[in-house]
C-alpha atoms as a PDB file:
ATOM      1  CA  MET A   1      32.762 125.363  78.921  1.00  0.00           C
ATOM      2  CA  TYR A   2      34.852 122.204  79.549  1.00  0.00           C
ATOM      3  CA  LYS A   3      31.762 120.288  80.688  1.00  0.00           C
ATOM      4  CA  LYS A   4      29.870 121.287  77.543  1.00  0.00           C
ATOM      5  CA  PHE A   5      32.801 120.221  75.337  1.00  0.00           C
ATOM      6  CA  LYS A   6      33.080 116.872  77.158  1.00  0.00           C
ATOM      7  CA  LEU A   7      29.344 116.163  76.718  1.00  0.00           C
ATOM      8  CA  LEU A   8      29.550 117.108  73.034  1.00  0.00           C
ATOM      9  CA  LYS A   9      32.538 114.790  72.592  1.00  0.00           C
ATOM     10  CA  ILE A  10      30.630 111.910  74.249  1.00  0.00           C
ATOM     11  CA  PHE A  11      27.561 112.610  72.096  1.00  0.00           C
ATOM     12  CA  TYR A  12      29.560 112.517  68.850  1.00  0.00           C
ATOM     13  CA  GLY A  13      31.387 109.412  70.015  1.00  0.00           C
ATOM     14  CA  LEU A  14      28.081 107.618  70.627  1.00  0.00           C
ATOM     15  CA  LEU A  15      26.686 108.857  67.311  1.00  0.00           C
ATOM     16  CA  THR A  16      29.755 107.501  65.501  1.00  0.00           C
ATOM     17  CA  LEU A  17      29.349 104.171  67.282  1.00  0.00           C
ATOM     18  CA  VAL A  18      25.688 103.917  66.249  1.00  0.00           C
ATOM     19  CA  VAL A  19      26.567 104.695  62.628  1.00  0.00           C
ATOM     20  CA  LEU A  20      29.372 102.129  62.640  1.00  0.00           C
ATOM     21  CA  MET A  21      27.218  99.457  64.249  1.00  0.00           C
ATOM     22  CA  ASN A  22      24.610  99.933  61.547  1.00  0.00           C
ATOM     23  CA  SER A  23      27.125  99.673  58.732  1.00  0.00           C
ATOM     24  CA  SER A  24      27.677  96.326  57.068  1.00  0.00           C
ATOM     25  CA  THR A  25      31.439  96.444  57.565  1.00  0.00           C
ATOM     26  CA  ALA A  26      31.121  96.698  61.341  1.00  0.00           C
ATOM     27  CA  TRP A  27      28.950  93.587  61.457  1.00  0.00           C
ATOM     28  CA  SER A  28      30.731  91.644  58.713  1.00  0.00           C
ATOM     29  CA  LYS A  29      32.966  89.999  61.311  1.00  0.00           C
ATOM     30  CA  TRP A  30      29.811  88.489  62.834  1.00  0.00           C
ATOM     31  CA  ASP A  31      28.358  87.111  59.596  1.00  0.00           C
ATOM     32  CA  TRP A  32      29.583  83.640  60.560  1.00  0.00           C
ATOM     33  CA  ILE A  33      26.905  83.401  63.247  1.00  0.00           C
ATOM     34  CA  THR A  34      24.121  83.509  60.651  1.00  0.00           C
ATOM     35  CA  GLU A  35      25.764  80.603  58.860  1.00  0.00           C
ATOM     36  CA  THR A  36      25.538  78.180  61.781  1.00  0.00           C
ATOM     37  CA  ALA A  37      22.943  75.465  62.279  1.00  0.00           C
ATOM     38  CA  ILE A  38      21.856  76.900  65.614  1.00  0.00           C
ATOM     39  CA  SER A  39      20.942  80.197  63.920  1.00  0.00           C
ATOM     40  CA  GLN A  40      18.102  78.319  62.208  1.00  0.00           C
ATOM     41  CA  PHE A  41      16.816  76.577  65.351  1.00  0.00           C
ATOM     42  CA  THR A  42      13.364  77.296  66.700  1.00  0.00           C
ATOM     43  CA  GLU A  43      12.723  77.856  70.388  1.00  0.00           C
ATOM     44  CA  GLN A  44      11.460  74.276  70.520  1.00  0.00           C
ATOM     45  CA  ASP A  45      14.736  73.028  68.959  1.00  0.00           C
ATOM     46  CA  ILE A  46      16.705  74.910  71.603  1.00  0.00           C
ATOM     47  CA  ASN A  47      14.602  73.386  74.389  1.00  0.00           C
ATOM     48  CA  VAL A  48      15.124  69.850  73.035  1.00  0.00           C
ATOM     49  CA  LEU A  49      18.867  70.549  72.707  1.00  0.00           C
ATOM     50  CA  LYS A  50      19.045  71.867  76.296  1.00  0.00           C
ATOM     51  CA  GLU A  51      17.228  68.801  77.628  1.00  0.00           C
ATOM     52  CA  ALA A  52      19.679  66.525  75.805  1.00  0.00           C
ATOM     53  CA  GLY A  53      22.568  68.595  77.154  1.00  0.00           C
ATOM     54  CA  ARG A  54      21.369  68.275  80.741  1.00  0.00           C
ATOM     55  CA  ASP A  55      21.050  64.505  80.267  1.00  0.00           C
ATOM     56  CA  ALA A  56      24.549  64.258  78.781  1.00  0.00           C
ATOM     57  CA  LEU A  57      26.154  66.374  81.505  1.00  0.00           C
ATOM     58  CA  ASN A  58      24.250  65.017  84.507  1.00  0.00           C
ATOM     59  CA  ASN A  59      23.735  61.345  83.672  1.00  0.00           C
ATOM     60  CA  GLN A  60      26.163  60.082  81.056  1.00  0.00           C
ATOM     61  CA  THR A  61      29.701  58.740  81.354  1.00  0.00           C
ATOM     62  CA  ASP A  62      32.657  59.993  79.338  1.00  0.00           C
ATOM     63  CA  ASP A  63      32.519  58.959  75.669  1.00  0.00           C
ATOM     64  CA  SER A  64      28.713  58.626  75.810  1.00  0.00           C
ATOM     65  CA  VAL A  65      26.702  60.262  73.048  1.00  0.00           C
ATOM     66  CA  VAL A  66      23.214  61.703  73.500  1.00  0.00           C
ATOM     67  CA  HIS A  67      21.263  62.254  70.289  1.00  0.00           C
ATOM     68  CA  TRP A  68      18.415  64.715  69.977  1.00  0.00           C
ATOM     69  CA  SER A  69      15.936  65.562  67.245  1.00  0.00           C
ATOM     70  CA  ASN A  70      12.816  67.605  66.727  1.00  0.00           C
ATOM     71  CA  PRO A  71      10.425  65.799  64.364  1.00  0.00           C
ATOM     72  CA  GLU A  72       8.458  69.015  63.818  1.00  0.00           C
ATOM     73  CA  THR A  73      11.406  70.881  62.284  1.00  0.00           C
ATOM     74  CA  GLY A  74      13.675  68.024  61.217  1.00  0.00           C
ATOM     75  CA  ASN A  75      16.581  69.629  63.089  1.00  0.00           C
ATOM     76  CA  SER A  76      18.818  67.326  65.101  1.00  0.00           C
ATOM     77  CA  GLY A  77      22.196  66.798  66.679  1.00  0.00           C
ATOM     78  CA  SER A  78      24.294  65.016  69.233  1.00  0.00           C
ATOM     79  CA  ILE A  79      26.278  65.783  72.362  1.00  0.00           C
ATOM     80  CA  LYS A  80      29.319  63.730  73.285  1.00  0.00           C
ATOM     81  CA  VAL A  81      31.013  64.167  76.652  1.00  0.00           C
ATOM     82  CA  THR A  82      34.672  63.418  76.023  1.00  0.00           C
ATOM     83  CA  ASP A  83      36.165  63.889  79.487  1.00  0.00           C
ATOM     84  CA  THR A  84      35.445  65.015  83.032  1.00  0.00           C
ATOM     85  CA  ARG A  85      37.884  66.908  85.245  1.00  0.00           C
ATOM     86  CA  ASP A  86      38.152  69.308  88.162  1.00  0.00           C
ATOM     87  CA  VAL A  87      38.881  72.938  87.262  1.00  0.00           C
ATOM     88  CA  ASN A  88      39.326  75.306  90.198  1.00  0.00           C
ATOM     89  CA  GLY A  89      37.104  73.130  92.376  1.00  0.00           C
ATOM     90  CA  LEU A  90      34.327  72.794  89.801  1.00  0.00           C
ATOM     91  CA  LYS A  91      33.260  69.625  87.996  1.00  0.00           C
ATOM     92  CA  CYS A  92      33.903  70.314  84.315  1.00  0.00           C
ATOM     93  CA  ARG A  93      33.185  68.257  81.219  1.00  0.00           C
ATOM     94  CA  THR A  94      34.441  68.674  77.697  1.00  0.00           C
ATOM     95  CA  THR A  95      31.589  68.313  75.241  1.00  0.00           C
ATOM     96  CA  HIS A  96      31.506  67.971  71.479  1.00  0.00           C
ATOM     97  CA  LEU A  97      28.269  69.146  69.869  1.00  0.00           C
ATOM     98  CA  LYS A  98      27.062  68.400  66.362  1.00  0.00           C
ATOM     99  CA  ASN A  99      23.976  70.174  65.051  1.00  0.00           C
ATOM    100  CA  LYS A 100      22.155  69.787  61.763  1.00  0.00           C
ATOM    101  CA  THR A 101      19.385  71.565  59.905  1.00  0.00           C
ATOM    102  CA  GLU A 102      18.139  70.908  56.390  1.00  0.00           C
ATOM    103  CA  SER A 103      20.777  73.222  54.934  1.00  0.00           C
ATOM    104  CA  ILE A 104      23.571  73.569  57.514  1.00  0.00           C
ATOM    105  CA  GLN A 105      25.677  71.217  59.631  1.00  0.00           C
ATOM    106  CA  GLY A 106      28.045  72.368  62.335  1.00  0.00           C
ATOM    107  CA  GLN A 107      30.102  71.191  65.253  1.00  0.00           C
ATOM    108  CA  ALA A 108      31.973  72.695  68.181  1.00  0.00           C
ATOM    109  CA  SER A 109      33.655  71.684  71.427  1.00  0.00           C
ATOM    110  CA  TYR A 110      33.158  73.393  74.778  1.00  0.00           C
ATOM    111  CA  LEU A 111      34.376  73.095  78.337  1.00  0.00           C
ATOM    112  CA  VAL A 112      31.250  73.190  80.512  1.00  0.00           C
ATOM    113  CA  CYS A 113      31.496  73.535  84.301  1.00  0.00           C
ATOM    114  CA  GLN A 114      28.870  72.849  86.931  1.00  0.00           C
ATOM    115  CA  GLN A 115      28.278  75.937  89.056  1.00  0.00           C
ATOM    116  CA  ASP A 116      27.571  75.957  92.797  1.00  0.00           C
ATOM    117  CA  ASP A 117      23.826  76.171  92.074  1.00  0.00           C
ATOM    118  CA  GLY A 118      24.004  72.961  90.007  1.00  0.00           C
ATOM    119  CA  ASN A 119      23.610  74.646  86.617  1.00  0.00           C
ATOM    120  CA  TRP A 120      26.146  74.085  83.843  1.00  0.00           C
ATOM    121  CA  LYS A 121      27.938  77.010  82.225  1.00  0.00           C
ATOM    122  CA  ILE A 122      30.148  77.114  79.136  1.00  0.00           C
ATOM    123  CA  THR A 123      33.450  78.478  80.350  1.00  0.00           C
ATOM    124  CA  THR A 124      35.878  78.329  77.440  1.00  0.00           C
ATOM    125  CA  PRO A 125      36.693  76.280  74.424  1.00  0.00           C
ATOM    126  CA  PRO A 126      38.635  73.296  75.772  1.00  0.00           C
ATOM    127  CA  LYS A 127      42.386  73.391  75.549  1.00  0.00           C
ATOM    128  CA  LYS A 128      43.746  70.661  73.288  1.00  0.00           C
END
């Protein structure tokens, strides 16, 4: 009997979660993401942005700016590396990104650290 009650409780809990996730109030906290420039980027825009990011992180000095644009979509942006430092044995760089579409402009700063395999990973927003 206890097992049946526990399974029923889990089932209703999951059903409630599904209903909540489909309601507009549950997702309203995430509406901001649809109002960002990157939400309007194509796959090609993302690839151009990533290429510019790799160039900025791997080849540029602090305070350098790498600009990118996709003539096919008109979307563009820039990546500025503002500083480089060691964090827990990893090479980390603070970056400031600006992105622009026809209707939205946005900017954000990130602390990006180079992993052991050589790839860069966003770790946290940089501490001011």
